[in-house]
Amino acid sequence: MSAGIAEAEDGGGLMFDFQCSTCEPDEQDIALGWDTHCVVTANQGTAYGAVSELTLHGNMLRIVLDPHDLDALGLPDPEIEAIIEADGEAIEQFRNALRRILAYGRADARPSVVHL
C-alpha cells in the first residue's frame, strides 16, 4: 500500500511516499527491519519506521521524522509542514491510507503521535 504526496503536480520538489506491505511481515522482513512502515523521498532515500509523529488536520500536514533517519532519507530537517492543495476527497483518501500504513507492523516502530 502506498500514499504519496509531492510539492509539485509533476511529482517534483519535496516528495514523500509512505508505504507498507499488504501482507503480514515474514521472517525475512523481521530480520531486515522491514516489518514496519517505509518512507521514500524524491531522491529515493528510504527508511523504515522513520515517522515519529504525523498530524493531518484539515489540509495541514505535519511530519516529524526520527533524526537518525535523515541521512538515509537525504533530508536536513526532521520536521516538515505542508499545506495540501487538493480537494477534500483526495485528502480523505490520503488520510485513510496513512492510518493503515502507520499502523502496520511492529508496535515499537509506529509513530508515537498520530492525529488523523
PDB file of N, CA and C in Angstrom:
ATOM      1  N   MET A   1       0.848  -1.166   0.000  1.00  0.00           N
ATOM      2  CA  MET A   1       0.000   0.000   0.000  1.00  0.00           C
ATOM      3  C   MET A   1       0.893   1.227   0.000  1.00  0.00           C
ATOM      4  N   SER A   2       0.471   2.259  -0.684  1.00  0.00           N
ATOM      5  CA  SER A   2       1.280   3.458  -0.829  1.00  0.00           C
ATOM      6  C   SER A   2       0.391   4.700  -0.749  1.00  0.00           C
ATOM      7  N   ALA A   3       0.912   5.751  -0.114  1.00  0.00           N
ATOM      8  CA  ALA A   3       0.243   7.049  -0.072  1.00  0.00           C
ATOM      9  C   ALA A   3       1.322   8.099  -0.297  1.00  0.00           C
ATOM     10  N   GLY A   4       1.252   8.767  -1.429  1.00  0.00           N
ATOM     11  CA  GLY A   4       2.291   9.722  -1.775  1.00  0.00           C
ATOM     12  C   GLY A   4       1.794  11.146  -1.807  1.00  0.00           C
ATOM     13  N   ILE A   5       2.736  12.040  -1.599  1.00  0.00           N
ATOM     14  CA  ILE A   5       2.451  13.469  -1.653  1.00  0.00           C
ATOM     15  C   ILE A   5       3.699  14.162  -2.179  1.00  0.00           C
ATOM     16  N   ALA A   6       3.500  15.151  -3.067  1.00  0.00           N
ATOM     17  CA  ALA A   6       4.629  15.861  -3.667  1.00  0.00           C
ATOM     18  C   ALA A   6       4.382  17.361  -3.640  1.00  0.00           C
ATOM     19  N   GLU A   7       5.483  18.078  -3.642  1.00  0.00           N
ATOM     20  CA  GLU A   7       5.422  19.536  -3.621  1.00  0.00           C
ATOM     21  C   GLU A   7       4.828  20.088  -4.924  1.00  0.00           C
ATOM     22  N   ALA A   8       5.179  19.496  -6.047  1.00  0.00           N
ATOM     23  CA  ALA A   8       4.703  19.961  -7.349  1.00  0.00           C
ATOM     24  C   ALA A   8       3.791  18.918  -7.982  1.00  0.00           C
ATOM     25  N   GLU A   9       2.891  19.383  -8.854  1.00  0.00           N
ATOM     26  CA  GLU A   9       1.950  18.476  -9.509  1.00  0.00           C
ATOM     27  C   GLU A   9       2.650  17.397 -10.332  1.00  0.00           C
ATOM     28  N   ASP A  10       3.830  17.710 -10.862  1.00  0.00           N
ATOM     29  CA  ASP A  10       4.553  16.728 -11.677  1.00  0.00           C
ATOM     30  C   ASP A  10       5.381  15.763 -10.825  1.00  0.00           C
ATOM     31  N   GLY A  11       5.220  15.843  -9.503  1.00  0.00           N
ATOM     32  CA  GLY A  11       5.963  14.956  -8.603  1.00  0.00           C
ATOM     33  C   GLY A  11       7.308  15.506  -8.200  1.00  0.00           C
ATOM     34  N   GLY A  12       7.645  16.683  -8.672  1.00  0.00           N
ATOM     35  CA  GLY A  12       8.937  17.291  -8.362  1.00  0.00           C
ATOM     36  C   GLY A  12       8.957  17.944  -6.995  1.00  0.00           C
ATOM     37  N   GLY A  13      10.140  18.436  -6.626  1.00  0.00           N
ATOM     38  CA  GLY A  13      10.312  19.090  -5.332  1.00  0.00           C
ATOM     39  C   GLY A  13      10.324  18.071  -4.215  1.00  0.00           C
ATOM     40  N   LEU A  14       9.959  18.512  -3.041  1.00  0.00           N
ATOM     41  CA  LEU A  14       9.898  17.632  -1.882  1.00  0.00           C
ATOM     42  C   LEU A  14       8.789  16.614  -2.095  1.00  0.00           C
ATOM     43  N   MET A  15       9.086  15.343  -1.858  1.00  0.00           N
ATOM     44  CA  MET A  15       8.125  14.277  -2.091  1.00  0.00           C
ATOM     45  C   MET A  15       8.282  13.209  -1.027  1.00  0.00           C
ATOM     46  N   PHE A  16       7.153  12.689  -0.568  1.00  0.00           N
ATOM     47  CA  PHE A  16       7.142  11.578   0.375  1.00  0.00           C
ATOM     48  C   PHE A  16       6.197  10.514  -0.140  1.00  0.00           C
ATOM     49  N   ASP A  17       6.657   9.285  -0.103  1.00  0.00           N
ATOM     50  CA  ASP A  17       5.812   8.141  -0.412  1.00  0.00           C
ATOM     51  C   ASP A  17       5.837   7.241   0.818  1.00  0.00           C
ATOM     52  N   PHE A  18       4.702   7.133   1.490  1.00  0.00           N
ATOM     53  CA  PHE A  18       4.567   6.296   2.681  1.00  0.00           C
ATOM     54  C   PHE A  18       4.074   4.937   2.211  1.00  0.00           C
ATOM     55  N   GLN A  19       4.707   3.860   2.671  1.00  0.00           N
ATOM     56  CA  GLN A  19       4.377   2.535   2.172  1.00  0.00           C
ATOM     57  C   GLN A  19       4.325   1.503   3.289  1.00  0.00           C
ATOM     58  N   CYS A  20       3.580   0.441   3.028  1.00  0.00           N
ATOM     59  CA  CYS A  20       3.619  -0.757   3.862  1.00  0.00           C
ATOM     60  C   CYS A  20       3.176  -1.929   3.000  1.00  0.00           C
ATOM     61  N   SER A  21       3.502  -3.099   3.442  1.00  0.00           N
ATOM     62  CA  SER A  21       3.090  -4.305   2.739  1.00  0.00           C
ATOM     63  C   SER A  21       1.605  -4.539   2.983  1.00  0.00           C
ATOM     64  N   THR A  22       0.974  -5.254   2.079  1.00  0.00           N
ATOM     65  CA  THR A  22      -0.417  -5.645   2.285  1.00  0.00           C
ATOM     66  C   THR A  22      -0.500  -7.015   2.961  1.00  0.00           C
ATOM     67  N   CYS A  23       0.653  -7.632   3.188  1.00  0.00           N
ATOM     68  CA  CYS A  23       0.737  -8.935   3.861  1.00  0.00           C
ATOM     69  C   CYS A  23       1.402  -8.757   5.221  1.00  0.00           C
ATOM     70  N   GLU A  24       1.179  -9.710   6.096  1.00  0.00           N
ATOM     71  CA  GLU A  24       1.859  -9.694   7.389  1.00  0.00           C
ATOM     72  C   GLU A  24       3.365  -9.860   7.170  1.00  0.00           C
ATOM     73  N   PRO A  25       4.201  -9.231   8.008  1.00  0.00           N
ATOM     74  CA  PRO A  25       5.655  -9.380   7.863  1.00  0.00           C
ATOM     75  C   PRO A  25       6.069 -10.842   8.019  1.00  0.00           C
ATOM     76  N   ASP A  26       7.005 -11.265   7.170  1.00  0.00           N
ATOM     77  CA  ASP A  26       7.537 -12.626   7.293  1.00  0.00           C
ATOM     78  C   ASP A  26       8.871 -12.577   8.029  1.00  0.00           C
ATOM     79  N   GLU A  27       9.509 -13.725   8.171  1.00  0.00           N
ATOM     80  CA  GLU A  27      10.767 -13.808   8.919  1.00  0.00           C
ATOM     81  C   GLU A  27      11.856 -12.929   8.310  1.00  0.00           C
ATOM     82  N   GLN A  28      11.924 -12.874   6.988  1.00  0.00           N
ATOM     83  CA  GLN A  28      12.932 -12.046   6.330  1.00  0.00           C
ATOM     84  C   GLN A  28      12.674 -10.564   6.600  1.00  0.00           C
ATOM     85  N   ASP A  29      11.405 -10.138   6.488  1.00  0.00           N
ATOM     86  CA  ASP A  29      11.062  -8.740   6.793  1.00  0.00           C
ATOM     87  C   ASP A  29      11.491  -8.375   8.206  1.00  0.00           C
ATOM     88  N   ILE A  30      11.212  -9.255   9.147  1.00  0.00           N
ATOM     89  CA  ILE A  30      11.554  -9.007  10.548  1.00  0.00           C
ATOM     90  C   ILE A  30      13.072  -8.929  10.723  1.00  0.00           C
ATOM     91  N   ALA A  31      13.794  -9.863  10.103  1.00  0.00           N
ATOM     92  CA  ALA A  31      15.258  -9.882  10.228  1.00  0.00           C
ATOM     93  C   ALA A  31      15.892  -8.629   9.643  1.00  0.00           C
ATOM     94  N   LEU A  32      15.309  -8.077   8.570  1.00  0.00           N
ATOM     95  CA  LEU A  32      15.866  -6.897   7.902  1.00  0.00           C
ATOM     96  C   LEU A  32      15.329  -5.578   8.463  1.00  0.00           C
ATOM     97  N   GLY A  33      14.370  -5.654   9.394  1.00  0.00           N
ATOM     98  CA  GLY A  33      13.784  -4.435   9.949  1.00  0.00           C
ATOM     99  C   GLY A  33      12.741  -3.818   9.047  1.00  0.00           C
ATOM    100  N   TRP A  34      12.222  -4.608   8.118  1.00  0.00           N
ATOM    101  CA  TRP A  34      11.214  -4.126   7.166  1.00  0.00           C
ATOM    102  C   TRP A  34       9.797  -4.394   7.650  1.00  0.00           C
ATOM    103  N   ASP A  35       9.632  -4.724   8.898  1.00  0.00           N
ATOM    104  CA  ASP A  35       8.324  -5.087   9.443  1.00  0.00           C
ATOM    105  C   ASP A  35       7.621  -3.864  10.045  1.00  0.00           C
ATOM    106  N   THR A  36       7.630  -2.769   9.289  1.00  0.00           N
ATOM    107  CA  THR A  36       7.014  -1.518   9.707  1.00  0.00           C
ATOM    108  C   THR A  36       6.737  -0.669   8.466  1.00  0.00           C
ATOM    109  N   HIS A  37       6.264   0.558   8.678  1.00  0.00           N
ATOM    110  CA  HIS A  37       6.040   1.462   7.556  1.00  0.00           C
ATOM    111  C   HIS A  37       7.381   1.869   6.931  1.00  0.00           C
ATOM    112  N   CYS A  38       7.322   2.300   5.707  1.00  0.00           N
ATOM    113  CA  CYS A  38       8.506   2.737   4.963  1.00  0.00           C
ATOM    114  C   CYS A  38       8.236   4.136   4.420  1.00  0.00           C
ATOM    115  N   VAL A  39       9.267   4.957   4.391  1.00  0.00           N
ATOM    116  CA  VAL A  39       9.171   6.292   3.802  1.00  0.00           C
ATOM    117  C   VAL A  39      10.224   6.381   2.709  1.00  0.00           C
ATOM    118  N   VAL A  40       9.796   6.857   1.530  1.00  0.00           N
ATOM    119  CA  VAL A  40      10.704   7.062   0.406  1.00  0.00           C
ATOM    120  C   VAL A  40      10.598   8.528  -0.006  1.00  0.00           C
ATOM    121  N   THR A  41      11.747   9.165  -0.243  1.00  0.00           N
ATOM    122  CA  THR A  41      11.774  10.567  -0.654  1.00  0.00           C
ATOM    123  C   THR A  41      12.081  10.675  -2.147  1.00  0.00           C
ATOM    124  N   ALA A  42      12.040  11.891  -2.676  1.00  0.00           N
ATOM    125  CA  ALA A  42      12.222  12.130  -4.109  1.00  0.00           C
ATOM    126  C   ALA A  42      13.544  11.604  -4.648  1.00  0.00           C
ATOM    127  N   ASN A  43      14.595  11.626  -3.831  1.00  0.00           N
ATOM    128  CA  ASN A  43      15.910  11.156  -4.276  1.00  0.00           C
ATOM    129  C   ASN A  43      16.090   9.657  -4.023  1.00  0.00           C
ATOM    130  N   GLN A  44      14.963   8.967  -3.778  1.00  0.00           N
ATOM    131  CA  GLN A  44      14.928   7.528  -3.496  1.00  0.00           C
ATOM    132  C   GLN A  44      15.530   7.176  -2.135  1.00  0.00           C
ATOM    133  N   GLY A  45      15.695   8.171  -1.254  1.00  0.00           N
ATOM    134  CA  GLY A  45      16.087   7.883   0.117  1.00  0.00           C
ATOM    135  C   GLY A  45      14.999   7.048   0.766  1.00  0.00           C
ATOM    136  N   THR A  46      15.381   6.041   1.511  1.00  0.00           N
ATOM    137  CA  THR A  46      14.416   5.107   2.081  1.00  0.00           C
ATOM    138  C   THR A  46      14.751   4.818   3.539  1.00  0.00           C
ATOM    139  N   ALA A  47      13.727   4.798   4.377  1.00  0.00           N
ATOM    140  CA  ALA A  47      13.911   4.449   5.791  1.00  0.00           C
ATOM    141  C   ALA A  47      12.649   3.759   6.300  1.00  0.00           C
ATOM    142  N   TYR A  48      12.850   2.780   7.148  1.00  0.00           N
ATOM    143  CA  TYR A  48      11.747   2.027   7.750  1.00  0.00           C
ATOM    144  C   TYR A  48      11.520   2.515   9.170  1.00  0.00           C
ATOM    145  N   GLY A  49      10.237   2.737   9.508  1.00  0.00           N
ATOM    146  CA  GLY A  49       9.892   3.186  10.851  1.00  0.00           C
ATOM    147  C   GLY A  49      10.340   4.603  11.140  1.00  0.00           C
ATOM    148  N   ALA A  50      10.497   5.421  10.117  1.00  0.00           N
ATOM    149  CA  ALA A  50      11.091   6.756  10.254  1.00  0.00           C
ATOM    150  C   ALA A  50      10.156   7.812  10.839  1.00  0.00           C
ATOM    151  N   VAL A  51       8.854   7.619  10.728  1.00  0.00           N
ATOM    152  CA  VAL A  51       7.913   8.640  11.184  1.00  0.00           C
ATOM    153  C   VAL A  51       7.738   8.540  12.701  1.00  0.00           C
ATOM    154  N   SER A  52       8.100   9.621  13.401  1.00  0.00           N
ATOM    155  CA  SER A  52       7.906   9.695  14.853  1.00  0.00           C
ATOM    156  C   SER A  52       6.532  10.247  15.197  1.00  0.00           C
ATOM    157  N   GLU A  53       6.123  11.258  14.434  1.00  0.00           N
ATOM    158  CA  GLU A  53       4.827  11.903  14.640  1.00  0.00           C
ATOM    159  C   GLU A  53       4.262  12.290  13.284  1.00  0.00           C
ATOM    160  N   LEU A  54       2.943  12.238  13.171  1.00  0.00           N
ATOM    161  CA  LEU A  54       2.287  12.711  11.954  1.00  0.00           C
ATOM    162  C   LEU A  54       0.927  13.265  12.329  1.00  0.00           C
ATOM    163  N   THR A  55       0.653  14.467  11.853  1.00  0.00           N
ATOM    164  CA  THR A  55      -0.634  15.116  12.072  1.00  0.00           C
ATOM    165  C   THR A  55      -1.161  15.603  10.734  1.00  0.00           C
ATOM    166  N   LEU A  56      -2.400  15.277  10.463  1.00  0.00           N
ATOM    167  CA  LEU A  56      -3.094  15.802   9.284  1.00  0.00           C
ATOM    168  C   LEU A  56      -4.399  16.389   9.785  1.00  0.00           C
ATOM    169  N   HIS A  57      -4.413  17.720   9.884  1.00  0.00           N
ATOM    170  CA  HIS A  57      -5.579  18.444  10.378  1.00  0.00           C
ATOM    171  C   HIS A  57      -6.106  19.309   9.240  1.00  0.00           C
ATOM    172  N   GLY A  58      -7.282  18.958   8.721  1.00  0.00           N
ATOM    173  CA  GLY A  58      -7.779  19.646   7.535  1.00  0.00           C
ATOM    174  C   GLY A  58      -6.835  19.365   6.380  1.00  0.00           C
ATOM    175  N   ASN A  59      -6.249  20.428   5.832  1.00  0.00           N
ATOM    176  CA  ASN A  59      -5.266  20.237   4.751  1.00  0.00           C
ATOM    177  C   ASN A  59      -3.831  20.533   5.206  1.00  0.00           C
ATOM    178  N   MET A  60      -3.617  20.647   6.515  1.00  0.00           N
ATOM    179  CA  MET A  60      -2.285  20.910   7.064  1.00  0.00           C
ATOM    180  C   MET A  60      -1.641  19.598   7.497  1.00  0.00           C
ATOM    181  N   LEU A  61      -0.495  19.293   6.905  1.00  0.00           N
ATOM    182  CA  LEU A  61       0.245  18.076   7.212  1.00  0.00           C
ATOM    183  C   LEU A  61       1.518  18.443   7.953  1.00  0.00           C
ATOM    184  N   ARG A  62       1.762  17.753   9.062  1.00  0.00           N
ATOM    185  CA  ARG A  62       2.999  17.932   9.823  1.00  0.00           C
ATOM    186  C   ARG A  62       3.598  16.553  10.055  1.00  0.00           C
ATOM    187  N   ILE A  63       4.849  16.404   9.656  1.00  0.00           N
ATOM    188  CA  ILE A  63       5.567  15.142   9.804  1.00  0.00           C
ATOM    189  C   ILE A  63       6.801  15.404  10.647  1.00  0.00           C
ATOM    190  N   VAL A  64       7.044  14.557  11.640  1.00  0.00           N
ATOM    191  CA  VAL A  64       8.276  14.594  12.414  1.00  0.00           C
ATOM    192  C   VAL A  64       8.950  13.241  12.209  1.00  0.00           C
ATOM    193  N   LEU A  65      10.171  13.295  11.694  1.00  0.00           N
ATOM    194  CA  LEU A  65      10.937  12.086  11.396  1.00  0.00           C
ATOM    195  C   LEU A  65      11.982  11.834  12.478  1.00  0.00           C
ATOM    196  N   ASP A  66      12.358  10.585  12.626  1.00  0.00           N
ATOM    197  CA  ASP A  66      13.428  10.221  13.542  1.00  0.00           C
ATOM    198  C   ASP A  66      14.727  10.840  13.009  1.00  0.00           C
ATOM    199  N   PRO A  67      15.418  11.657  13.808  1.00  0.00           N
ATOM    200  CA  PRO A  67      16.654  12.290  13.345  1.00  0.00           C
ATOM    201  C   PRO A  67      17.700  11.291  12.837  1.00  0.00           C
ATOM    202  N   HIS A  68      17.680  10.065  13.341  1.00  0.00           N
ATOM    203  CA  HIS A  68      18.636   9.046  12.897  1.00  0.00           C
ATOM    204  C   HIS A  68      18.406   8.630  11.444  1.00  0.00           C
ATOM    205  N   ASP A  69      17.225   8.919  10.895  1.00  0.00           N
ATOM    206  CA  ASP A  69      16.896   8.517   9.526  1.00  0.00           C
ATOM    207  C   ASP A  69      17.107   9.621   8.494  1.00  0.00           C
ATOM    208  N   LEU A  70      17.518  10.805   8.923  1.00  0.00           N
ATOM    209  CA  LEU A  70      17.645  11.929   7.994  1.00  0.00           C
ATOM    210  C   LEU A  70      18.667  11.679   6.891  1.00  0.00           C
ATOM    211  N   ASP A  71      19.816  11.122   7.216  1.00  0.00           N
ATOM    212  CA  ASP A  71      20.826  10.843   6.184  1.00  0.00           C
ATOM    213  C   ASP A  71      20.286   9.869   5.153  1.00  0.00           C
ATOM    214  N   ALA A  72      19.648   8.795   5.609  1.00  0.00           N
ATOM    215  CA  ALA A  72      19.105   7.790   4.686  1.00  0.00           C
ATOM    216  C   ALA A  72      18.039   8.398   3.769  1.00  0.00           C
ATOM    217  N   LEU A  73      17.278   9.359   4.303  1.00  0.00           N
ATOM    218  CA  LEU A  73      16.225   9.996   3.512  1.00  0.00           C
ATOM    219  C   LEU A  73      16.727  11.190   2.704  1.00  0.00           C
ATOM    220  N   GLY A  74      17.951  11.620   2.969  1.00  0.00           N
ATOM    221  CA  GLY A  74      18.502  12.769   2.256  1.00  0.00           C
ATOM    222  C   GLY A  74      17.841  14.071   2.641  1.00  0.00           C
ATOM    223  N   LEU A  75      17.473  14.204   3.907  1.00  0.00           N
ATOM    224  CA  LEU A  75      16.778  15.402   4.381  1.00  0.00           C
ATOM    225  C   LEU A  75      17.586  16.098   5.461  1.00  0.00           C
ATOM    226  N   PRO A  76      17.538  17.445   5.514  1.00  0.00           N
ATOM    227  CA  PRO A  76      18.291  18.178   6.519  1.00  0.00           C
ATOM    228  C   PRO A  76      17.553  18.401   7.835  1.00  0.00           C
ATOM    229  N   ASP A  77      16.219  18.309   7.815  1.00  0.00           N
ATOM    230  CA  ASP A  77      15.421  18.689   8.975  1.00  0.00           C
ATOM    231  C   ASP A  77      14.398  17.596   9.286  1.00  0.00           C
ATOM    232  N   PRO A  78      14.230  17.232  10.559  1.00  0.00           N
ATOM    233  CA  PRO A  78      13.270  16.179  10.890  1.00  0.00           C
ATOM    234  C   PRO A  78      11.806  16.632  10.887  1.00  0.00           C
ATOM    235  N   GLU A  79      11.551  17.936  10.840  1.00  0.00           N
ATOM    236  CA  GLU A  79      10.174  18.428  10.871  1.00  0.00           C
ATOM    237  C   GLU A  79       9.795  19.050   9.541  1.00  0.00           C
ATOM    238  N   ILE A  80       8.666  18.589   9.004  1.00  0.00           N
ATOM    239  CA  ILE A  80       8.159  19.082   7.719  1.00  0.00           C
ATOM    240  C   ILE A  80       6.716  19.479   7.916  1.00  0.00           C
ATOM    241  N   GLU A  81       6.369  20.657   7.449  1.00  0.00           N
ATOM    242  CA  GLU A  81       4.980  21.109   7.464  1.00  0.00           C
ATOM    243  C   GLU A  81       4.606  21.518   6.052  1.00  0.00           C
ATOM    244  N   ALA A  82       3.390  21.142   5.661  1.00  0.00           N
ATOM    245  CA  ALA A  82       2.931  21.467   4.309  1.00  0.00           C
ATOM    246  C   ALA A  82       1.422  21.662   4.309  1.00  0.00           C
ATOM    247  N   ILE A  83       0.978  22.513   3.414  1.00  0.00           N
ATOM    248  CA  ILE A  83      -0.448  22.669   3.168  1.00  0.00           C
ATOM    249  C   ILE A  83      -0.756  21.879   1.906  1.00  0.00           C
ATOM    250  N   ILE A  84      -1.683  20.946   2.023  1.00  0.00           N
ATOM    251  CA  ILE A  84      -2.046  20.098   0.888  1.00  0.00           C
ATOM    252  C   ILE A  84      -3.072  20.829   0.041  1.00  0.00           C
ATOM    253  N   GLU A  85      -2.740  21.030  -1.208  1.00  0.00           N
ATOM    254  CA  GLU A  85      -3.654  21.684  -2.142  1.00  0.00           C
ATOM    255  C   GLU A  85      -4.343  20.605  -2.972  1.00  0.00           C
ATOM    256  N   ALA A  86      -5.389  20.050  -2.382  1.00  0.00           N
ATOM    257  CA  ALA A  86      -6.175  19.008  -3.033  1.00  0.00           C
ATOM    258  C   ALA A  86      -7.600  19.106  -2.509  1.00  0.00           C
ATOM    259  N   ASP A  87      -8.525  18.473  -3.214  1.00  0.00           N
ATOM    260  CA  ASP A  87      -9.909  18.516  -2.755  1.00  0.00           C
ATOM    261  C   ASP A  87     -10.087  17.614  -1.532  1.00  0.00           C
ATOM    262  N   GLY A  88     -11.189  17.802  -0.853  1.00  0.00           N
ATOM    263  CA  GLY A  88     -11.460  17.069   0.378  1.00  0.00           C
ATOM    264  C   GLY A  88     -11.468  15.563   0.195  1.00  0.00           C
ATOM    265  N   GLU A  89     -11.954  15.076  -0.928  1.00  0.00           N
ATOM    266  CA  GLU A  89     -12.000  13.636  -1.182  1.00  0.00           C
ATOM    267  C   GLU A  89     -10.589  13.055  -1.290  1.00  0.00           C
ATOM    268  N   ALA A  90      -9.702  13.748  -1.986  1.00  0.00           N
ATOM    269  CA  ALA A  90      -8.318  13.278  -2.125  1.00  0.00           C
ATOM    270  C   ALA A  90      -7.605  13.283  -0.773  1.00  0.00           C
ATOM    271  N   ILE A  91      -7.841  14.312   0.027  1.00  0.00           N
ATOM    272  CA  ILE A  91      -7.225  14.384   1.353  1.00  0.00           C
ATOM    273  C   ILE A  91      -7.747  13.251   2.230  1.00  0.00           C
ATOM    274  N   GLU A  92      -9.039  12.953   2.138  1.00  0.00           N
ATOM    275  CA  GLU A  92      -9.610  11.865   2.933  1.00  0.00           C
ATOM    276  C   GLU A  92      -9.029  10.512   2.509  1.00  0.00           C
ATOM    277  N   GLN A  93      -8.821  10.300   1.227  1.00  0.00           N
ATOM    278  CA  GLN A  93      -8.188   9.058   0.751  1.00  0.00           C
ATOM    279  C   GLN A  93      -6.760   8.956   1.288  1.00  0.00           C
ATOM    280  N   PHE A  94      -6.027  10.057   1.253  1.00  0.00           N
ATOM    281  CA  PHE A  94      -4.665  10.105   1.781  1.00  0.00           C
ATOM    282  C   PHE A  94      -4.670   9.782   3.276  1.00  0.00           C
ATOM    283  N   ARG A  95      -5.593  10.393   4.009  1.00  0.00           N
ATOM    284  CA  ARG A  95      -5.725  10.186   5.452  1.00  0.00           C
ATOM    285  C   ARG A  95      -6.002   8.704   5.762  1.00  0.00           C
ATOM    286  N   ASN A  96      -6.929   8.098   5.050  1.00  0.00           N
ATOM    287  CA  ASN A  96      -7.273   6.695   5.287  1.00  0.00           C
ATOM    288  C   ASN A  96      -6.104   5.767   4.986  1.00  0.00           C
ATOM    289  N   ALA A  97      -5.365   6.047   3.923  1.00  0.00           N
ATOM    290  CA  ALA A  97      -4.191   5.228   3.597  1.00  0.00           C
ATOM    291  C   ALA A  97      -3.121   5.387   4.676  1.00  0.00           C
ATOM    292  N   LEU A  98      -2.891   6.614   5.143  1.00  0.00           N
ATOM    293  CA  LEU A  98      -1.903   6.837   6.203  1.00  0.00           C
ATOM    294  C   LEU A  98      -2.267   6.087   7.481  1.00  0.00           C
ATOM    295  N   ARG A  99      -3.543   6.051   7.819  1.00  0.00           N
ATOM    296  CA  ARG A  99      -3.974   5.313   9.020  1.00  0.00           C
ATOM    297  C   ARG A  99      -3.505   3.861   8.945  1.00  0.00           C
ATOM    298  N   ARG A 100      -3.725   3.252   7.808  1.00  0.00           N
ATOM    299  CA  ARG A 100      -3.360   1.842   7.640  1.00  0.00           C
ATOM    300  C   ARG A 100      -1.843   1.659   7.593  1.00  0.00           C
ATOM    301  N   ILE A 101      -1.176   2.507   6.849  1.00  0.00           N
ATOM    302  CA  ILE A 101       0.276   2.391   6.681  1.00  0.00           C
ATOM    303  C   ILE A 101       1.005   2.571   8.002  1.00  0.00           C
ATOM    304  N   LEU A 102       0.651   3.593   8.772  1.00  0.00           N
ATOM    305  CA  LEU A 102       1.367   3.890  10.011  1.00  0.00           C
ATOM    306  C   LEU A 102       1.037   2.921  11.140  1.00  0.00           C
ATOM    307  N   ALA A 103      -0.029   2.133  10.986  1.00  0.00           N
ATOM    308  CA  ALA A 103      -0.391   1.124  11.988  1.00  0.00           C
ATOM    309  C   ALA A 103       0.184  -0.246  11.647  1.00  0.00           C
ATOM    310  N   TYR A 104       0.898  -0.348  10.534  1.00  0.00           N
ATOM    311  CA  TYR A 104       1.411  -1.630  10.070  1.00  0.00           C
ATOM    312  C   TYR A 104       2.635  -2.084  10.867  1.00  0.00           C
ATOM    313  N   GLY A 105       2.712  -3.360  11.127  1.00  0.00           N
ATOM    314  CA  GLY A 105       3.930  -3.961  11.661  1.00  0.00           C
ATOM    315  C   GLY A 105       4.118  -3.818  13.154  1.00  0.00           C
ATOM    316  N   ARG A 106       5.372  -3.898  13.555  1.00  0.00           N
ATOM    317  CA  ARG A 106       5.711  -3.950  14.982  1.00  0.00           C
ATOM    318  C   ARG A 106       5.387  -2.645  15.694  1.00  0.00           C
ATOM    319  N   ALA A 107       4.872  -2.806  16.875  1.00  0.00           N
ATOM    320  CA  ALA A 107       4.377  -1.665  17.651  1.00  0.00           C
ATOM    321  C   ALA A 107       5.469  -0.660  17.998  1.00  0.00           C
ATOM    322  N   ASP A 108       6.706  -1.109  18.261  1.00  0.00           N
ATOM    323  CA  ASP A 108       7.756  -0.184  18.683  1.00  0.00           C
ATOM    324  C   ASP A 108       8.265   0.718  17.560  1.00  0.00           C
ATOM    325  N   ALA A 109       7.841   0.474  16.330  1.00  0.00           N
ATOM    326  CA  ALA A 109       8.259   1.318  15.209  1.00  0.00           C
ATOM    327  C   ALA A 109       7.125   2.202  14.706  1.00  0.00           C
ATOM    328  N   ARG A 110       5.995   2.155  15.376  1.00  0.00           N
ATOM    329  CA  ARG A 110       4.872   3.018  14.979  1.00  0.00           C
ATOM    330  C   ARG A 110       5.092   4.418  15.538  1.00  0.00           C
ATOM    331  N   PRO A 111       4.578   5.437  14.849  1.00  0.00           N
ATOM    332  CA  PRO A 111       4.711   6.807  15.372  1.00  0.00           C
ATOM    333  C   PRO A 111       4.086   6.914  16.762  1.00  0.00           C
ATOM    334  N   SER A 112       4.733   7.694  17.618  1.00  0.00           N
ATOM    335  CA  SER A 112       4.207   7.879  18.978  1.00  0.00           C
ATOM    336  C   SER A 112       2.987   8.785  18.975  1.00  0.00           C
ATOM    337  N   VAL A 113       2.885   9.673  18.001  1.00  0.00           N
ATOM    338  CA  VAL A 113       1.752  10.578  17.897  1.00  0.00           C
ATOM    339  C   VAL A 113       1.221  10.534  16.475  1.00  0.00           C
ATOM    340  N   VAL A 114      -0.032  10.199  16.337  1.00  0.00           N
ATOM    341  CA  VAL A 114      -0.715  10.232  15.039  1.00  0.00           C
ATOM    342  C   VAL A 114      -2.048  10.895  15.245  1.00  0.00           C
ATOM    343  N   HIS A 115      -2.256  11.986  14.547  1.00  0.00           N
ATOM    344  CA  HIS A 115      -3.551  12.677  14.581  1.00  0.00           C
ATOM    345  C   HIS A 115      -4.043  12.734  13.142  1.00  0.00           C
ATOM    346  N   LEU A 116      -4.968  11.838  12.851  1.00  0.00           N
ATOM    347  CA  LEU A 116      -5.546  11.798  11.515  1.00  0.00           C
ATOM    348  C   LEU A 116      -7.044  11.955  11.632  1.00  0.00           C
TER     349      LEU A 116
END
